[in-house]
Amino acid sequence: MALLTVRAAAERLGVGYSTLKHWIHDGRVRTTQTPGGHHRIAEAELDRLVSKTDERLAPAPARERHPAGVIVALSGRNRLHGFVEEVRTDGLLGQVRLRIGDQTLTAVITADAIRELKLRRGDDAMAIIKSTEVMIGREVPQSPAPRPARVARPRRGRN
């Protein structure tokens, strides 16, 4: 009996990886687990899922895949060129830190995007900033704190 990874089974079923993971955690899909805790799905279970009449479990129609092309232009105007200082992934998300001159920019993107871009420390990369996602701040010189007002004290002495 052949066992498939969740990603391979999702591709066969024509559903997203996260969708299949939800089905597994909801108990709708039977799996076996490796000693490391990873789910594996038997081909017989895939056959059962495909034969279900539930539309959510039916495979999506196969889409024609075109080979990936090269992007020659992009609408984003705010491009910052730098190099990858650090790449960390944890689950579905990852963090990429770019060094741009003497500044550091940190972006949180999907782990899939990091793998697809093959980002590694030391690679040249570009941050493209959407105008709707940018915040602008300004520092103002701090003025000296105002001195507390003097309080008149009653005089002691002769009346």
Protein backbone atom coordinates (compact mmCIF):
# COMPACT_ATOMS: atom_id res chain seq x y z
CA MET A 1 0.00 0.00 0.00
CA ALA A 2 1.58 3.29 -1.14
CA LEU A 3 1.48 6.22 1.25
CA LEU A 4 1.51 9.79 -0.02
CA THR A 5 2.50 13.03 1.65
CA VAL A 6 -0.28 15.51 2.33
CA ARG A 7 1.06 17.83 -0.38
CA ALA A 8 1.15 15.02 -3.00
CA ALA A 9 -2.33 13.82 -2.00
CA ALA A 10 -3.73 17.37 -2.21
CA GLU A 11 -2.29 17.73 -5.71
CA ARG A 12 -3.85 14.43 -6.75
CA LEU A 13 -7.21 15.48 -5.34
CA GLY A 14 -7.00 18.91 -6.91
CA VAL A 15 -7.43 20.73 -3.59
CA GLY A 16 -5.15 23.02 -1.65
CA TYR A 17 -2.69 21.72 0.90
CA SER A 18 -4.33 23.70 3.71
CA THR A 19 -7.78 22.38 2.73
CA LEU A 20 -6.61 18.79 2.99
CA LYS A 21 -4.92 19.53 6.33
CA HIS A 22 -8.25 20.92 7.62
CA TRP A 23 -10.03 17.75 6.50
CA ILE A 24 -7.41 15.65 8.31
CA HIS A 25 -7.75 17.62 11.53
CA ASP A 26 -11.56 17.51 11.26
CA GLY A 27 -11.38 13.69 11.00
CA ARG A 28 -12.81 13.54 7.46
CA VAL A 29 -9.62 11.96 6.06
CA ARG A 30 -7.93 8.90 7.55
CA THR A 31 -4.15 9.04 7.78
CA THR A 32 -1.23 7.27 9.33
CA GLN A 33 1.48 9.19 11.09
CA THR A 34 5.22 8.83 10.80
CA PRO A 35 7.31 8.63 13.97
CA GLY A 36 7.98 12.36 13.44
CA GLY A 37 4.24 13.12 13.48
CA HIS A 38 3.80 13.76 9.75
CA HIS A 39 0.57 12.58 8.13
CA ARG A 40 0.63 10.09 5.25
CA ILE A 41 -2.41 9.17 3.19
CA ALA A 42 -2.97 5.76 1.62
CA GLU A 43 -4.00 5.52 -2.03
CA ALA A 44 -7.09 3.58 -0.95
CA GLU A 45 -8.13 6.60 1.13
CA LEU A 46 -7.65 8.84 -1.90
CA ASP A 47 -9.91 6.51 -3.93
CA ARG A 48 -12.54 6.75 -1.18
CA LEU A 49 -12.33 10.55 -1.22
CA VAL A 50 -12.63 10.76 -5.00
CA SER A 51 -15.69 8.48 -5.02
CA LYS A 52 -17.50 10.62 -2.41
CA THR A 53 -20.44 12.57 -3.73
CA ASP A 54 -19.67 15.51 -1.46
CA GLU A 55 -18.61 18.32 -3.79
CA ARG A 56 -16.08 19.61 -1.27
CA LEU A 57 -14.17 16.33 -1.56
CA ALA A 58 -14.46 15.95 -5.31
CA PRO A 59 -11.32 16.78 -7.26
CA ALA A 60 -11.26 20.12 -8.98
CA PRO A 61 -11.08 20.03 -12.75
CA ALA A 62 -7.49 19.95 -13.93
CA ARG A 63 -6.23 23.35 -14.93
CA GLU A 64 -3.92 23.75 -17.82
CA ARG A 65 -0.53 24.74 -16.49
CA HIS A 66 1.62 27.10 -18.42
CA PRO A 67 5.35 27.23 -17.81
CA ALA A 68 6.31 30.09 -15.54
CA GLY A 69 7.59 33.09 -17.41
CA VAL A 70 9.89 35.92 -16.52
CA ILE A 71 8.35 39.09 -15.15
CA VAL A 72 9.60 41.96 -17.27
CA ALA A 73 7.61 44.75 -15.63
CA LEU A 74 5.78 45.27 -12.38
CA SER A 75 3.36 48.00 -11.39
CA GLY A 76 4.99 48.68 -8.01
CA ARG A 77 7.06 51.85 -8.12
CA ASN A 78 8.68 51.72 -4.70
CA ARG A 79 11.47 49.18 -5.14
CA LEU A 80 14.26 48.84 -2.64
CA HIS A 81 17.28 46.77 -3.70
CA GLY A 82 19.36 45.01 -1.08
CA PHE A 83 20.65 41.64 0.02
CA VAL A 84 19.10 38.94 2.20
CA GLU A 85 20.52 39.16 5.69
CA GLU A 86 18.36 36.46 7.28
CA VAL A 87 15.65 33.95 6.31
CA ARG A 88 13.52 32.12 8.88
CA THR A 89 10.50 29.91 8.31
CA ASP A 90 8.06 28.47 10.81
CA GLY A 91 5.02 26.61 9.56
CA LEU A 92 3.14 28.49 6.84
CA LEU A 93 4.98 31.80 7.27
CA GLY A 94 8.53 33.01 7.01
CA GLN A 95 10.48 36.14 7.81
CA VAL A 96 12.97 37.71 5.42
CA ARG A 97 15.30 40.46 6.54
CA LEU A 98 16.83 42.62 3.79
CA ARG A 99 19.79 44.89 4.28
CA ILE A 100 19.30 48.04 2.22
CA GLY A 101 22.27 50.33 2.69
CA ASP A 102 22.53 50.97 6.42
CA GLN A 103 18.83 50.14 6.94
CA THR A 104 17.08 46.83 7.56
CA LEU A 105 13.67 45.90 6.19
CA THR A 106 11.77 42.90 7.57
CA ALA A 107 9.00 41.22 5.58
CA VAL A 108 6.70 38.38 6.61
CA ILE A 109 5.73 36.24 3.62
CA THR A 110 4.53 32.68 3.10
CA ALA A 111 7.00 29.84 3.47
CA ASP A 112 5.91 28.69 -0.02
CA ALA A 113 7.02 32.04 -1.46
CA ILE A 114 10.41 31.71 0.24
CA ARG A 115 10.86 28.25 -1.27
CA GLU A 116 9.66 29.37 -4.70
CA LEU A 117 12.02 32.35 -4.70
CA LYS A 118 14.81 30.13 -3.35
CA LEU A 119 15.81 32.87 -0.92
CA ARG A 120 19.06 32.29 0.92
CA ARG A 121 21.25 34.48 3.09
CA GLY A 122 23.48 36.69 0.93
CA ASP A 123 21.19 36.65 -2.14
CA ASP A 124 20.38 39.90 -3.88
CA ALA A 125 16.69 40.70 -3.55
CA MET A 126 14.21 43.52 -3.95
CA ALA A 127 11.42 44.73 -1.67
CA ILE A 128 8.46 46.11 -3.57
CA ILE A 129 6.19 48.26 -1.43
CA LYS A 130 2.53 48.80 -2.24
CA SER A 131 1.42 52.33 -1.59
CA THR A 132 -1.58 51.13 0.40
CA GLU A 133 0.64 49.20 2.81
CA VAL A 134 3.19 51.87 3.77
CA MET A 135 3.18 53.95 6.93
CA ILE A 136 5.12 57.20 7.16
CA GLY A 137 6.51 58.56 10.40
CA ARG A 138 8.50 61.61 11.35
CA GLU A 139 10.69 62.34 14.31
CA VAL A 140 10.58 65.81 15.81
CA PRO A 141 13.27 67.21 18.05
CA GLN A 142 12.35 66.75 21.66
CA SER A 143 11.95 70.09 23.40
CA PRO A 144 13.31 70.41 26.90
CA ALA A 145 10.79 69.53 29.59
CA PRO A 146 9.08 72.63 31.02
CA ARG A 147 10.27 73.62 34.48
CA PRO A 148 7.74 73.28 37.24
CA ALA A 149 6.19 76.60 38.33
CA ARG A 150 7.56 78.10 41.50
CA VAL A 151 5.17 78.15 44.39
CA ALA A 152 5.29 81.16 46.69
CA ARG A 153 6.10 80.17 50.23
CA PRO A 154 4.87 82.10 53.25
CA ARG A 155 7.63 84.07 54.93
CA ARG A 156 8.62 83.21 58.42
CA GLY A 157 9.71 85.81 60.73
CA ARG A 158 8.42 89.07 62.21
CA ASN A 159 4.95 90.32 61.75
